[in-house]
Amino acid sequence: MSNDKSIYSDLKQLGQHVKPPESPEEAILETVGNPHPDVDFCVRFTAPEFTSLCPLTGQPDFAHLVIDYVPEALMVESKSLKMFLGSFRNHGAFHEECTVGIARRLVAELHPKWLRLGGYWYPRGGIPIDVFFQHGKLPDSVWVADQGVPTYRGRG
């Protein structure tokens, strides 16, 4: 088991009071070295209270995001991911733009072997919109659990 804490030595946000970024473009996604580069494994982040703004009305939109990825050399540091996702709270963008934009930014920063993002958006105008993104090929040896988010049913 690796206990090499030097992979955290360059982090600027972890353990610090950090001002929330004004926009997703301003947000800094920090990475750490994969402590087990010889093993393929899946990392999951779940953000059940993701918010952004409708770019036309300015009203809030809500989503349950599930991010799964198989790291190569780098992994995302979780506080910086939380700050990045939080930067969308005052950002106007449609569901597809948010979901795909988040996934593409993660791919650009991490260069993962595989990444999947499920964006399960709550209804706007009575219609829920789910947006899914996948990058790369899942290694055969990796088990990935179902994302566990049921299809939206409303009250019925």
Protein backbone atom coordinates (compact mmCIF):
# COMPACT_ATOMS: atom_id res chain seq x y z
CA MET A 1 0.00 0.00 0.00
CA SER A 2 1.33 3.40 -0.95
CA ASN A 3 1.64 6.03 1.81
CA ASP A 4 3.51 8.54 -0.32
CA LYS A 5 2.09 11.88 0.82
CA SER A 6 4.31 13.74 -1.64
CA ILE A 7 1.58 13.35 -4.28
CA TYR A 8 -0.32 16.02 -2.30
CA SER A 9 2.56 18.47 -1.90
CA ASP A 10 1.61 20.78 -4.79
CA LEU A 11 -2.07 21.18 -3.87
CA LYS A 12 -3.19 24.76 -3.24
CA GLN A 13 -6.82 24.23 -2.15
CA LEU A 14 -6.86 21.15 0.10
CA GLY A 15 -6.81 22.17 3.76
CA GLN A 16 -7.06 25.85 2.90
CA HIS A 17 -9.85 28.41 2.99
CA VAL A 18 -10.50 29.01 -0.69
CA LYS A 19 -12.80 31.61 -2.22
CA PRO A 20 -15.37 29.95 -4.50
CA PRO A 21 -14.55 30.50 -8.17
CA GLU A 22 -16.76 32.99 -10.02
CA SER A 23 -17.12 30.75 -13.07
CA PRO A 24 -16.25 27.26 -14.32
CA GLU A 25 -13.50 28.80 -16.47
CA GLU A 26 -11.91 30.35 -13.37
CA ALA A 27 -12.13 27.13 -11.34
CA ILE A 28 -8.88 25.23 -10.87
CA LEU A 29 -9.04 21.44 -11.07
CA GLU A 30 -6.10 20.07 -9.13
CA THR A 31 -4.71 16.61 -9.71
CA VAL A 32 -2.68 14.13 -7.73
CA GLY A 33 -0.61 11.24 -8.93
CA ASN A 34 -2.32 7.87 -9.09
CA PRO A 35 -0.92 5.95 -6.09
CA HIS A 36 -1.66 2.62 -7.83
CA PRO A 37 -0.81 3.11 -11.52
CA ASP A 38 -0.26 -0.64 -11.90
CA VAL A 39 -3.92 -1.43 -11.13
CA ASP A 40 -7.04 -0.50 -13.07
CA PHE A 41 -9.80 0.67 -10.70
CA CYS A 42 -12.84 2.90 -10.86
CA VAL A 43 -13.29 6.13 -8.91
CA ARG A 44 -16.83 7.49 -8.40
CA PHE A 45 -17.94 10.97 -7.40
CA THR A 46 -21.61 11.64 -6.80
CA ALA A 47 -22.98 15.18 -6.71
CA PRO A 48 -26.70 14.84 -5.87
CA GLU A 49 -27.24 18.59 -5.41
CA PHE A 50 -25.60 20.08 -8.51
CA THR A 51 -27.05 23.44 -9.54
CA SER A 52 -26.68 25.78 -12.48
CA LEU A 53 -28.82 28.51 -14.01
CA CYS A 54 -31.05 28.49 -17.06
CA PRO A 55 -29.26 30.80 -19.50
CA LEU A 56 -32.56 32.30 -20.68
CA THR A 57 -34.63 32.73 -17.52
CA GLY A 58 -31.93 32.80 -14.83
CA GLN A 59 -33.94 30.26 -12.84
CA PRO A 60 -32.01 27.50 -11.05
CA ASP A 61 -31.67 24.04 -12.54
CA PHE A 62 -30.87 20.98 -10.44
CA ALA A 63 -29.15 17.71 -11.29
CA HIS A 64 -27.78 14.56 -9.75
CA LEU A 65 -24.36 13.97 -11.32
CA VAL A 66 -22.45 10.69 -11.18
CA ILE A 67 -18.85 10.74 -12.41
CA ASP A 68 -17.03 7.42 -12.86
CA TYR A 69 -13.48 7.19 -14.17
CA VAL A 70 -10.51 4.84 -14.43
CA PRO A 71 -7.37 6.89 -13.79
CA GLU A 72 -4.19 6.67 -15.78
CA ALA A 73 -1.38 8.72 -14.18
CA LEU A 74 -3.55 11.41 -12.56
CA MET A 75 -6.58 11.61 -10.28
CA VAL A 76 -8.71 14.65 -9.52
CA GLU A 77 -8.41 16.09 -6.00
CA SER A 78 -11.91 16.02 -4.51
CA LYS A 79 -12.00 19.51 -2.96
CA SER A 80 -11.03 21.09 -6.26
CA LEU A 81 -13.75 19.04 -7.98
CA LYS A 82 -16.27 20.27 -5.42
CA MET A 83 -15.18 23.88 -6.02
CA PHE A 84 -15.36 23.36 -9.80
CA LEU A 85 -18.87 21.91 -9.63
CA GLY A 86 -19.94 24.70 -7.25
CA SER A 87 -18.78 27.29 -9.78
CA PHE A 88 -21.81 26.40 -11.91
CA ARG A 89 -24.26 27.81 -9.32
CA ASN A 90 -24.17 31.24 -10.95
CA HIS A 91 -23.39 29.99 -14.45
CA GLY A 92 -26.02 30.07 -17.16
CA ALA A 93 -25.92 27.02 -19.41
CA PHE A 94 -28.26 24.37 -20.73
CA HIS A 95 -28.18 20.84 -19.30
CA GLU A 96 -26.23 19.40 -22.21
CA GLU A 97 -23.63 22.17 -22.09
CA CYS A 98 -23.05 21.69 -18.36
CA THR A 99 -22.85 17.88 -18.47
CA VAL A 100 -20.63 17.58 -21.53
CA GLY A 101 -18.53 20.60 -20.51
CA ILE A 102 -17.78 19.11 -17.08
CA ALA A 103 -16.85 15.76 -18.62
CA ARG A 104 -14.63 17.30 -21.30
CA ARG A 105 -12.80 19.42 -18.71
CA LEU A 106 -12.14 16.33 -16.60
CA VAL A 107 -10.86 14.42 -19.63
CA ALA A 108 -8.59 17.34 -20.58
CA GLU A 109 -7.12 17.59 -17.07
CA LEU A 110 -6.90 13.89 -16.13
CA HIS A 111 -6.37 11.99 -19.40
CA PRO A 112 -8.20 8.99 -17.86
CA LYS A 113 -8.32 5.55 -19.41
CA TRP A 114 -12.11 5.80 -19.24
CA LEU A 115 -14.62 8.34 -17.97
CA ARG A 116 -18.42 8.32 -17.78
CA LEU A 117 -20.64 11.12 -16.53
CA GLY A 118 -24.36 10.67 -15.99
CA GLY A 119 -26.26 13.94 -15.64
CA TYR A 120 -29.73 13.26 -14.25
CA TRP A 121 -31.54 16.59 -14.46
CA TYR A 122 -34.73 17.38 -12.63
CA PRO A 123 -37.70 18.47 -14.78
CA ARG A 124 -37.79 21.85 -16.46
CA GLY A 125 -41.14 22.60 -18.03
CA GLY A 126 -42.36 19.16 -16.96
CA ILE A 127 -39.66 17.25 -18.88
CA PRO A 128 -36.61 15.76 -17.17
CA ILE A 129 -33.47 15.69 -19.31
CA ASP A 130 -30.77 13.09 -18.74
CA VAL A 131 -27.41 13.65 -20.44
CA PHE A 132 -24.71 10.98 -20.65
CA PHE A 133 -21.07 11.25 -21.72
CA GLN A 134 -18.44 8.56 -22.11
CA HIS A 135 -14.78 8.78 -23.08
CA GLY A 136 -12.45 5.87 -23.81
CA LYS A 137 -12.95 2.14 -23.36
CA LEU A 138 -13.60 0.60 -19.96
CA PRO A 139 -10.79 -1.89 -19.19
CA ASP A 140 -12.12 -5.45 -19.07
CA SER A 141 -10.79 -6.01 -15.56
CA VAL A 142 -12.69 -3.07 -13.99
CA TRP A 143 -16.05 -3.52 -12.28
CA VAL A 144 -18.25 -0.45 -12.32
CA ALA A 145 -21.43 -0.36 -10.27
CA ASP A 146 -24.69 0.83 -11.78
CA GLN A 147 -25.05 4.57 -11.25
CA GLY A 148 -28.15 3.85 -9.18
CA VAL A 149 -30.21 6.82 -10.33
CA PRO A 150 -33.70 5.69 -11.37
CA THR A 151 -35.57 7.15 -14.30
CA TYR A 152 -37.58 10.15 -13.17
CA ARG A 153 -41.15 9.23 -12.25
CA GLY A 154 -42.47 12.31 -10.50
CA ARG A 155 -45.21 11.62 -7.98
CA GLY A 156 -46.89 8.84 -9.97
